[in-house]
Amino acid sequence: MTIDYEAAQRVIAAVLAEATGRGLAMAVAVTDPAGDPVATARMDGANAVALRLAVDKAYTAVAFGAPSHRWAEATAPGGADWGMANAAGGRILVLAGGLPIQAGGAGGTVIGAVGVSGAAPPVDLACAEAGCAALDDD
């Protein structure tokens, strides 16, 4: 199973609505289970690097089937997974804002991921959560 383009667009629309409501310019990426982008968007005024970060946050979330920030402590110097952030050509990004998208909600099969970047980590995460919530009825 994989997220389709229509569902990816719903996730993006929800993220952009959340960002707009907060008065922010963000970037968002939705990937398939392989971490390849299905759809992306960068709002006018979003930082130039925001889209690349959003793609890598989504890649990290789908690669591990867990939120991208879950690995922050373990990958810090001296952590059990120190150096992991350099894996996969440097695409592992352990900042908040990447969430796996699961069929049928939490506990379901991972069908893709969403990554959001452009604000403080808690805001990126909140916007990603809004994107996932757009699929809650699926």
C-alpha atoms as a PDB file:
ATOM      1  CA  MET A   1       0.000   0.000   0.000  1.00  0.00           C
ATOM      2  CA  THR A   2       1.086   3.532  -0.713  1.00  0.00           C
ATOM      3  CA  ILE A   3      -0.343   7.003  -0.345  1.00  0.00           C
ATOM      4  CA  ASP A   4      -1.818   8.275  -3.592  1.00  0.00           C
ATOM      5  CA  TYR A   5      -1.545  11.742  -5.079  1.00  0.00           C
ATOM      6  CA  GLU A   6      -5.074  12.779  -4.066  1.00  0.00           C
ATOM      7  CA  ALA A   7      -4.459  11.866  -0.413  1.00  0.00           C
ATOM      8  CA  ALA A   8      -1.060  13.585  -0.516  1.00  0.00           C
ATOM      9  CA  GLN A   9      -2.742  16.748  -1.752  1.00  0.00           C
ATOM     10  CA  ARG A  10      -5.216  16.599   1.165  1.00  0.00           C
ATOM     11  CA  VAL A  11      -2.303  16.327   3.596  1.00  0.00           C
ATOM     12  CA  ILE A  12      -0.571  19.282   1.968  1.00  0.00           C
ATOM     13  CA  ALA A  13      -3.739  21.392   1.991  1.00  0.00           C
ATOM     14  CA  ALA A  14      -4.174  20.749   5.727  1.00  0.00           C
ATOM     15  CA  VAL A  15      -0.546  21.649   6.463  1.00  0.00           C
ATOM     16  CA  LEU A  16      -0.775  24.842   4.431  1.00  0.00           C
ATOM     17  CA  ALA A  17      -4.043  25.799   6.141  1.00  0.00           C
ATOM     18  CA  GLU A  18      -2.442  25.291   9.567  1.00  0.00           C
ATOM     19  CA  ALA A  19       0.601  27.335   8.548  1.00  0.00           C
ATOM     20  CA  THR A  20      -1.564  30.104   7.098  1.00  0.00           C
ATOM     21  CA  GLY A  21      -3.617  30.194  10.294  1.00  0.00           C
ATOM     22  CA  ARG A  22      -0.407  30.721  12.226  1.00  0.00           C
ATOM     23  CA  GLY A  23       0.775  33.441   9.828  1.00  0.00           C
ATOM     24  CA  LEU A  24       3.758  31.357   8.685  1.00  0.00           C
ATOM     25  CA  ALA A  25       5.320  30.406   5.373  1.00  0.00           C
ATOM     26  CA  MET A  26       6.224  26.700   5.383  1.00  0.00           C
ATOM     27  CA  ALA A  27       7.260  23.890   3.092  1.00  0.00           C
ATOM     28  CA  VAL A  28       5.715  20.431   3.106  1.00  0.00           C
ATOM     29  CA  ALA A  29       6.528  17.126   1.444  1.00  0.00           C
ATOM     30  CA  VAL A  30       4.561  13.895   1.306  1.00  0.00           C
ATOM     31  CA  THR A  31       6.498  10.762   0.407  1.00  0.00           C
ATOM     32  CA  ASP A  32       5.659   7.192  -0.482  1.00  0.00           C
ATOM     33  CA  PRO A  33       6.940   4.238   1.606  1.00  0.00           C
ATOM     34  CA  ALA A  34      10.292   4.383  -0.213  1.00  0.00           C
ATOM     35  CA  GLY A  35      10.780   8.005   0.834  1.00  0.00           C
ATOM     36  CA  ASP A  36      10.275   9.387  -2.666  1.00  0.00           C
ATOM     37  CA  PRO A  37       8.152  12.551  -2.926  1.00  0.00           C
ATOM     38  CA  VAL A  38       4.560  12.123  -4.083  1.00  0.00           C
ATOM     39  CA  ALA A  39       3.748  15.828  -3.710  1.00  0.00           C
ATOM     40  CA  THR A  40       5.470  18.918  -2.324  1.00  0.00           C
ATOM     41  CA  ALA A  41       4.717  22.588  -1.766  1.00  0.00           C
ATOM     42  CA  ARG A  42       6.669  25.619  -0.628  1.00  0.00           C
ATOM     43  CA  MET A  43       4.652  28.662   0.344  1.00  0.00           C
ATOM     44  CA  ASP A  44       5.661  32.088  -0.900  1.00  0.00           C
ATOM     45  CA  GLY A  45       8.161  33.492   1.557  1.00  0.00           C
ATOM     46  CA  ALA A  46       9.266  30.129   2.960  1.00  0.00           C
ATOM     47  CA  ASN A  47      12.982  29.752   3.536  1.00  0.00           C
ATOM     48  CA  ALA A  48      14.820  28.428   0.480  1.00  0.00           C
ATOM     49  CA  VAL A  49      16.091  25.359   2.356  1.00  0.00           C
ATOM     50  CA  ALA A  50      12.702  24.539   3.930  1.00  0.00           C
ATOM     51  CA  LEU A  51      11.542  22.223   1.139  1.00  0.00           C
ATOM     52  CA  ARG A  52      14.736  20.146   1.206  1.00  0.00           C
ATOM     53  CA  LEU A  53      14.418  19.810   4.987  1.00  0.00           C
ATOM     54  CA  ALA A  54      10.744  18.840   4.692  1.00  0.00           C
ATOM     55  CA  VAL A  55      11.597  16.086   2.192  1.00  0.00           C
ATOM     56  CA  ASP A  56      14.332  14.712   4.457  1.00  0.00           C
ATOM     57  CA  LYS A  57      12.123  14.829   7.557  1.00  0.00           C
ATOM     58  CA  ALA A  58       9.495  12.795   5.694  1.00  0.00           C
ATOM     59  CA  TYR A  59      12.208  10.426   4.430  1.00  0.00           C
ATOM     60  CA  THR A  60      13.418   9.859   8.002  1.00  0.00           C
ATOM     61  CA  ALA A  61       9.895   9.271   9.321  1.00  0.00           C
ATOM     62  CA  VAL A  62       9.044   6.719   6.636  1.00  0.00           C
ATOM     63  CA  ALA A  63      12.428   4.998   6.803  1.00  0.00           C
ATOM     64  CA  PHE A  64      12.010   4.258  10.508  1.00  0.00           C
ATOM     65  CA  GLY A  65       8.217   4.242  10.735  1.00  0.00           C
ATOM     66  CA  ALA A  66       8.407   6.785  13.551  1.00  0.00           C
ATOM     67  CA  PRO A  67       8.463  10.571  14.037  1.00  0.00           C
ATOM     68  CA  SER A  68      11.700  12.094  12.795  1.00  0.00           C
ATOM     69  CA  HIS A  69      12.466  13.733  16.150  1.00  0.00           C
ATOM     70  CA  ARG A  70      12.365  10.395  17.966  1.00  0.00           C
ATOM     71  CA  TRP A  71      16.034   9.862  17.067  1.00  0.00           C
ATOM     72  CA  ALA A  72      17.375  13.213  18.293  1.00  0.00           C
ATOM     73  CA  GLU A  73      18.644  12.014  21.682  1.00  0.00           C
ATOM     74  CA  ALA A  74      20.020   8.690  20.428  1.00  0.00           C
ATOM     75  CA  THR A  75      21.958  10.360  17.604  1.00  0.00           C
ATOM     76  CA  ALA A  76      23.533  13.065  19.780  1.00  0.00           C
ATOM     77  CA  PRO A  77      27.242  12.706  20.541  1.00  0.00           C
ATOM     78  CA  GLY A  78      27.663   9.722  22.845  1.00  0.00           C
ATOM     79  CA  GLY A  79      24.194   8.390  22.028  1.00  0.00           C
ATOM     80  CA  ALA A  80      23.554   4.776  21.077  1.00  0.00           C
ATOM     81  CA  ASP A  81      22.969   5.762  17.438  1.00  0.00           C
ATOM     82  CA  TRP A  82      25.619   8.492  17.183  1.00  0.00           C
ATOM     83  CA  GLY A  83      26.469   8.942  13.518  1.00  0.00           C
ATOM     84  CA  MET A  84      23.127   7.701  12.193  1.00  0.00           C
ATOM     85  CA  ALA A  85      22.309  11.207  10.994  1.00  0.00           C
ATOM     86  CA  ASN A  86      25.094  10.777   8.425  1.00  0.00           C
ATOM     87  CA  ALA A  87      23.473   7.628   7.026  1.00  0.00           C
ATOM     88  CA  ALA A  88      21.638   7.491   3.700  1.00  0.00           C
ATOM     89  CA  GLY A  89      23.755  10.215   2.168  1.00  0.00           C
ATOM     90  CA  GLY A  90      22.976  12.617   4.998  1.00  0.00           C
ATOM     91  CA  ARG A  91      19.210  12.390   4.443  1.00  0.00           C
ATOM     92  CA  ILE A  92      18.447  11.252   7.990  1.00  0.00           C
ATOM     93  CA  LEU A  93      17.138  14.392   9.697  1.00  0.00           C
ATOM     94  CA  VAL A  94      16.298  14.056  13.383  1.00  0.00           C
ATOM     95  CA  LEU A  95      14.379  17.309  13.804  1.00  0.00           C
ATOM     96  CA  ALA A  96      10.667  17.553  14.623  1.00  0.00           C
ATOM     97  CA  GLY A  97       8.269  17.826  11.700  1.00  0.00           C
ATOM     98  CA  GLY A  98       8.403  14.377  10.065  1.00  0.00           C
ATOM     99  CA  LEU A  99       5.615  11.872  10.736  1.00  0.00           C
ATOM    100  CA  PRO A 100       4.772   8.518   9.192  1.00  0.00           C
ATOM    101  CA  ILE A 101       1.354   8.294   7.567  1.00  0.00           C
ATOM    102  CA  GLN A 102      -0.407   5.064   8.466  1.00  0.00           C
ATOM    103  CA  ALA A 103      -3.348   3.425   6.722  1.00  0.00           C
ATOM    104  CA  GLY A 104      -6.299   3.528   9.084  1.00  0.00           C
ATOM    105  CA  GLY A 105      -4.456   5.767  11.567  1.00  0.00           C
ATOM    106  CA  ALA A 106      -2.005   4.878  14.318  1.00  0.00           C
ATOM    107  CA  GLY A 107      -0.960   1.249  14.281  1.00  0.00           C
ATOM    108  CA  GLY A 108      -1.755   0.779  10.612  1.00  0.00           C
ATOM    109  CA  THR A 109       0.600   0.010   7.755  1.00  0.00           C
ATOM    110  CA  VAL A 110       2.966   2.884   6.926  1.00  0.00           C
ATOM    111  CA  ILE A 111       1.882   4.150   3.495  1.00  0.00           C
ATOM    112  CA  GLY A 112       4.063   7.262   3.381  1.00  0.00           C
ATOM    113  CA  ALA A 113       5.155  10.221   5.453  1.00  0.00           C
ATOM    114  CA  VAL A 114       4.767  13.957   5.781  1.00  0.00           C
ATOM    115  CA  GLY A 115       7.588  16.380   6.472  1.00  0.00           C
ATOM    116  CA  VAL A 116       7.162  20.053   7.358  1.00  0.00           C
ATOM    117  CA  SER A 117       9.782  22.764   7.754  1.00  0.00           C
ATOM    118  CA  GLY A 118       9.920  26.510   8.104  1.00  0.00           C
ATOM    119  CA  ALA A 119       9.307  27.335  11.755  1.00  0.00           C
ATOM    120  CA  ALA A 120      10.348  26.260  15.252  1.00  0.00           C
ATOM    121  CA  PRO A 121      10.368  22.481  15.778  1.00  0.00           C
ATOM    122  CA  PRO A 122       7.120  22.340  17.808  1.00  0.00           C
ATOM    123  CA  VAL A 123       5.333  24.345  15.108  1.00  0.00           C
ATOM    124  CA  ASP A 124       6.687  22.144  12.325  1.00  0.00           C
ATOM    125  CA  LEU A 125       5.391  19.140  14.275  1.00  0.00           C
ATOM    126  CA  ALA A 126       1.965  20.701  14.870  1.00  0.00           C
ATOM    127  CA  CYS A 127       1.615  21.424  11.156  1.00  0.00           C
ATOM    128  CA  ALA A 128       2.635  17.843  10.288  1.00  0.00           C
ATOM    129  CA  GLU A 129       0.050  16.565  12.785  1.00  0.00           C
ATOM    130  CA  ALA A 130      -2.604  18.690  11.069  1.00  0.00           C
ATOM    131  CA  GLY A 131      -1.619  17.092   7.776  1.00  0.00           C
ATOM    132  CA  CYS A 132      -1.984  13.580   9.167  1.00  0.00           C
ATOM    133  CA  ALA A 133      -5.332  14.490  10.713  1.00  0.00           C
ATOM    134  CA  ALA A 134      -6.643  15.272   7.229  1.00  0.00           C
ATOM    135  CA  LEU A 135      -6.628  11.517   6.566  1.00  0.00           C
ATOM    136  CA  ASP A 136      -8.231  10.442   9.856  1.00  0.00           C
ATOM    137  CA  ASP A 137     -11.485   9.508   8.131  1.00  0.00           C
ATOM    138  CA  ASP A 138      -9.746   7.200   5.635  1.00  0.00           C
END
